[in-house]
Amino acid sequence: MKAYDETMGIIAGGVLQKDQALELLKIGKTYEQTVIKTKKGLSSLRFIKADIITPQESKVYLEKLHQEEQNFQKTFARRLEEMLETEE
């Protein structure tokens, strides 16, 4: 199981208050939380361009993504710990 799945389980599992769960959702990057909920929203999107990346560029992007995921996990864990400590 990926760490993302575990954090979503914590958020959606009913252990936290709604305001706490929402606060934890706000920790991640915006692109990790994008949702298009209506046909009207979908219809407002338009294709701009496509880029072909090299394997070397892909490696750089994957390394950056890995670092962002690690930072997210650290921040998430720290904030969750603070929330649970204040409940005691």
N, C-alpha and C. Protein backbone atom coordinates (compact mmCIF):
# COMPACT_ATOMS: atom_id res chain seq x y z
N MET A 1 0.85 -1.19 0.00
CA MET A 1 0.00 0.00 0.00
C MET A 1 0.89 1.24 0.00
N LYS A 2 0.57 2.16 -0.87
CA LYS A 2 1.33 3.40 -0.92
C LYS A 2 0.97 4.29 0.26
N ALA A 3 1.89 5.16 0.61
CA ALA A 3 1.67 6.07 1.73
C ALA A 3 0.45 6.95 1.49
N TYR A 4 0.19 7.31 0.24
CA TYR A 4 -0.98 8.14 -0.07
C TYR A 4 -2.25 7.42 0.35
N ASP A 5 -2.35 6.14 0.04
CA ASP A 5 -3.54 5.37 0.41
C ASP A 5 -3.71 5.34 1.92
N GLU A 6 -2.61 5.24 2.64
CA GLU A 6 -2.68 5.23 4.09
C GLU A 6 -3.16 6.57 4.64
N THR A 7 -2.65 7.66 4.09
CA THR A 7 -3.09 8.97 4.58
C THR A 7 -4.56 9.19 4.26
N MET A 8 -5.01 8.75 3.09
CA MET A 8 -6.43 8.91 2.76
C MET A 8 -7.29 8.06 3.69
N GLY A 9 -6.79 6.90 4.09
CA GLY A 9 -7.52 6.08 5.05
C GLY A 9 -7.67 6.77 6.38
N ILE A 10 -6.65 7.46 6.80
CA ILE A 10 -6.70 8.22 8.06
C ILE A 10 -7.71 9.35 7.94
N ILE A 11 -7.67 10.05 6.83
CA ILE A 11 -8.55 11.20 6.63
C ILE A 11 -10.01 10.76 6.53
N ALA A 12 -10.27 9.71 5.76
CA ALA A 12 -11.65 9.30 5.49
C ALA A 12 -12.17 8.23 6.43
N GLY A 13 -11.34 7.75 7.34
CA GLY A 13 -11.71 6.62 8.19
C GLY A 13 -12.65 6.92 9.33
N GLY A 14 -12.98 8.18 9.55
CA GLY A 14 -13.91 8.53 10.61
C GLY A 14 -13.28 8.71 11.97
N VAL A 15 -11.97 8.64 12.06
CA VAL A 15 -11.27 8.81 13.34
C VAL A 15 -11.19 10.28 13.72
N LEU A 16 -11.06 11.13 12.72
CA LEU A 16 -10.86 12.57 12.94
C LEU A 16 -12.18 13.32 12.81
N GLN A 17 -12.21 14.50 13.41
CA GLN A 17 -13.32 15.41 13.20
C GLN A 17 -13.24 15.94 11.76
N LYS A 18 -14.36 16.39 11.23
CA LYS A 18 -14.38 16.88 9.84
C LYS A 18 -13.41 18.03 9.62
N ASP A 19 -13.34 18.96 10.56
CA ASP A 19 -12.42 20.10 10.39
C ASP A 19 -10.97 19.65 10.40
N GLN A 20 -10.66 18.63 11.19
CA GLN A 20 -9.29 18.10 11.21
C GLN A 20 -8.96 17.42 9.88
N ALA A 21 -9.89 16.64 9.37
CA ALA A 21 -9.67 15.95 8.10
C ALA A 21 -9.46 16.97 6.98
N LEU A 22 -10.26 18.03 6.97
CA LEU A 22 -10.09 19.06 5.94
C LEU A 22 -8.75 19.76 6.05
N GLU A 23 -8.31 20.00 7.28
CA GLU A 23 -7.01 20.63 7.46
C GLU A 23 -5.89 19.75 6.91
N LEU A 24 -5.98 18.45 7.14
CA LEU A 24 -4.97 17.53 6.63
C LEU A 24 -5.00 17.46 5.10
N LEU A 25 -6.18 17.55 4.52
CA LEU A 25 -6.27 17.54 3.05
C LEU A 25 -5.57 18.74 2.43
N LYS A 26 -5.54 19.85 3.14
CA LYS A 26 -4.94 21.08 2.62
C LYS A 26 -3.41 21.04 2.62
N ILE A 27 -2.82 20.05 3.24
CA ILE A 27 -1.36 19.97 3.31
C ILE A 27 -0.76 19.69 1.94
N GLY A 28 -1.39 18.84 1.16
CA GLY A 28 -0.83 18.41 -0.11
C GLY A 28 -0.79 19.50 -1.16
N LYS A 29 -0.07 19.23 -2.22
CA LYS A 29 0.00 20.15 -3.35
C LYS A 29 -1.36 20.22 -4.03
N THR A 30 -1.65 21.33 -4.64
CA THR A 30 -2.93 21.52 -5.31
C THR A 30 -3.16 20.47 -6.39
N TYR A 31 -2.12 20.15 -7.16
CA TYR A 31 -2.31 19.20 -8.25
C TYR A 31 -2.64 17.80 -7.74
N GLU A 32 -2.40 17.53 -6.49
CA GLU A 32 -2.74 16.24 -5.91
C GLU A 32 -4.20 16.18 -5.47
N GLN A 33 -4.90 17.30 -5.57
CA GLN A 33 -6.25 17.37 -5.04
C GLN A 33 -7.25 17.94 -6.03
N THR A 34 -6.95 17.88 -7.30
CA THR A 34 -7.82 18.47 -8.30
C THR A 34 -8.99 17.54 -8.61
N VAL A 35 -10.19 18.10 -8.57
CA VAL A 35 -11.40 17.35 -8.87
C VAL A 35 -12.28 18.19 -9.78
N ILE A 36 -12.76 17.60 -10.84
CA ILE A 36 -13.74 18.26 -11.69
C ILE A 36 -15.06 17.55 -11.42
N LYS A 37 -16.00 18.28 -10.83
CA LYS A 37 -17.21 17.65 -10.32
C LYS A 37 -18.43 17.80 -11.21
N THR A 38 -18.38 18.66 -12.20
CA THR A 38 -19.56 18.87 -13.03
C THR A 38 -19.19 18.84 -14.51
N LYS A 39 -20.21 18.59 -15.33
CA LYS A 39 -20.01 18.64 -16.78
C LYS A 39 -19.66 20.05 -17.23
N LYS A 40 -20.23 21.05 -16.54
CA LYS A 40 -19.93 22.44 -16.88
C LYS A 40 -18.44 22.72 -16.63
N GLY A 41 -17.92 22.23 -15.51
CA GLY A 41 -16.50 22.40 -15.23
C GLY A 41 -15.63 21.71 -16.26
N LEU A 42 -16.02 20.51 -16.63
CA LEU A 42 -15.27 19.76 -17.64
C LEU A 42 -15.30 20.47 -18.99
N SER A 43 -16.45 21.03 -19.33
CA SER A 43 -16.57 21.70 -20.63
C SER A 43 -15.74 22.98 -20.71
N SER A 44 -15.35 23.52 -19.57
CA SER A 44 -14.56 24.76 -19.61
C SER A 44 -13.06 24.48 -19.83
N LEU A 45 -12.66 23.23 -19.78
CA LEU A 45 -11.25 22.89 -20.04
C LEU A 45 -11.00 22.85 -21.54
N ARG A 46 -9.76 23.18 -21.90
CA ARG A 46 -9.38 23.08 -23.30
C ARG A 46 -7.94 22.60 -23.40
N PHE A 47 -7.66 21.82 -24.42
CA PHE A 47 -6.32 21.31 -24.66
C PHE A 47 -5.44 22.44 -25.17
N ILE A 48 -4.25 22.57 -24.55
CA ILE A 48 -3.33 23.63 -24.98
C ILE A 48 -2.16 23.04 -25.76
N LYS A 49 -1.49 22.06 -25.18
CA LYS A 49 -0.36 21.47 -25.88
C LYS A 49 0.05 20.17 -25.20
N ALA A 50 0.90 19.43 -25.85
CA ALA A 50 1.49 18.22 -25.29
C ALA A 50 2.99 18.31 -25.47
N ASP A 51 3.73 17.82 -24.50
CA ASP A 51 5.19 17.81 -24.58
C ASP A 51 5.68 16.38 -24.49
N ILE A 52 6.69 16.08 -25.24
CA ILE A 52 7.36 14.78 -25.15
C ILE A 52 8.61 14.99 -24.32
N ILE A 53 8.75 14.20 -23.25
CA ILE A 53 9.93 14.34 -22.40
C ILE A 53 10.85 13.16 -22.60
N THR A 54 12.13 13.42 -22.38
CA THR A 54 13.14 12.38 -22.54
C THR A 54 13.17 11.51 -21.29
N PRO A 55 13.76 10.34 -21.39
CA PRO A 55 13.91 9.50 -20.19
C PRO A 55 14.68 10.22 -19.07
N GLN A 56 15.65 11.05 -19.44
CA GLN A 56 16.41 11.79 -18.44
C GLN A 56 15.51 12.81 -17.73
N GLU A 57 14.69 13.52 -18.50
CA GLU A 57 13.76 14.46 -17.90
C GLU A 57 12.76 13.74 -17.00
N SER A 58 12.31 12.60 -17.43
CA SER A 58 11.37 11.81 -16.64
C SER A 58 11.99 11.44 -15.30
N LYS A 59 13.25 11.07 -15.30
CA LYS A 59 13.94 10.72 -14.06
C LYS A 59 13.99 11.91 -13.11
N VAL A 60 14.29 13.09 -13.64
CA VAL A 60 14.33 14.30 -12.82
C VAL A 60 12.96 14.57 -12.21
N TYR A 61 11.90 14.46 -13.02
CA TYR A 61 10.55 14.70 -12.51
C TYR A 61 10.16 13.69 -11.44
N LEU A 62 10.53 12.43 -11.65
CA LEU A 62 10.21 11.39 -10.66
C LEU A 62 10.95 11.62 -9.35
N GLU A 63 12.19 12.07 -9.43
CA GLU A 63 12.95 12.39 -8.21
C GLU A 63 12.31 13.56 -7.47
N LYS A 64 11.87 14.56 -8.21
CA LYS A 64 11.20 15.71 -7.60
C LYS A 64 9.89 15.26 -6.94
N LEU A 65 9.13 14.43 -7.62
CA LEU A 65 7.89 13.92 -7.07
C LEU A 65 8.14 13.12 -5.79
N HIS A 66 9.16 12.31 -5.80
CA HIS A 66 9.51 11.52 -4.62
C HIS A 66 9.83 12.44 -3.43
N GLN A 67 10.58 13.48 -3.68
CA GLN A 67 10.93 14.43 -2.62
C GLN A 67 9.68 15.13 -2.10
N GLU A 68 8.79 15.54 -3.00
CA GLU A 68 7.54 16.18 -2.58
C GLU A 68 6.69 15.24 -1.74
N GLU A 69 6.64 13.96 -2.12
CA GLU A 69 5.88 12.98 -1.35
C GLU A 69 6.46 12.79 0.04
N GLN A 70 7.78 12.76 0.14
CA GLN A 70 8.42 12.63 1.46
C GLN A 70 8.11 13.85 2.33
N ASN A 71 8.18 15.04 1.75
CA ASN A 71 7.86 16.25 2.50
C ASN A 71 6.41 16.25 2.96
N PHE A 72 5.51 15.80 2.08
CA PHE A 72 4.09 15.71 2.44
C PHE A 72 3.90 14.76 3.62
N GLN A 73 4.53 13.59 3.55
CA GLN A 73 4.37 12.60 4.63
C GLN A 73 4.88 13.13 5.96
N LYS A 74 6.00 13.82 5.95
CA LYS A 74 6.54 14.38 7.19
C LYS A 74 5.61 15.45 7.76
N THR A 75 5.13 16.34 6.89
CA THR A 75 4.24 17.40 7.34
C THR A 75 2.92 16.82 7.83
N PHE A 76 2.38 15.86 7.11
CA PHE A 76 1.13 15.21 7.49
C PHE A 76 1.27 14.54 8.85
N ALA A 77 2.32 13.77 9.04
CA ALA A 77 2.52 13.05 10.30
C ALA A 77 2.69 14.01 11.47
N ARG A 78 3.45 15.08 11.25
CA ARG A 78 3.67 16.07 12.31
C ARG A 78 2.35 16.73 12.71
N ARG A 79 1.55 17.12 11.72
CA ARG A 79 0.28 17.80 12.02
C ARG A 79 -0.72 16.84 12.67
N LEU A 80 -0.76 15.61 12.20
CA LEU A 80 -1.66 14.61 12.79
C LEU A 80 -1.27 14.35 14.24
N GLU A 81 -0.01 14.25 14.51
CA GLU A 81 0.47 14.06 15.89
C GLU A 81 0.05 15.22 16.78
N GLU A 82 0.19 16.45 16.27
CA GLU A 82 -0.23 17.63 17.04
C GLU A 82 -1.73 17.58 17.33
N MET A 83 -2.52 17.17 16.35
CA MET A 83 -3.97 17.08 16.55
C MET A 83 -4.32 16.06 17.63
N LEU A 84 -3.67 14.92 17.57
CA LEU A 84 -3.97 13.87 18.53
C LEU A 84 -3.50 14.23 19.93
N GLU A 85 -2.40 14.96 20.05
CA GLU A 85 -1.90 15.39 21.35
C GLU A 85 -2.85 16.39 22.00
N THR A 86 -3.45 17.28 21.22
CA THR A 86 -4.34 18.28 21.79
C THR A 86 -5.68 17.67 22.24
N GLU A 87 -6.01 16.49 21.72
CA GLU A 87 -7.25 15.82 22.12
C GLU A 87 -7.11 15.13 23.46
N GLU A 88 -5.90 14.85 23.87
CA GLU A 88 -5.69 14.13 25.14
C GLU A 88 -5.84 15.00 26.34
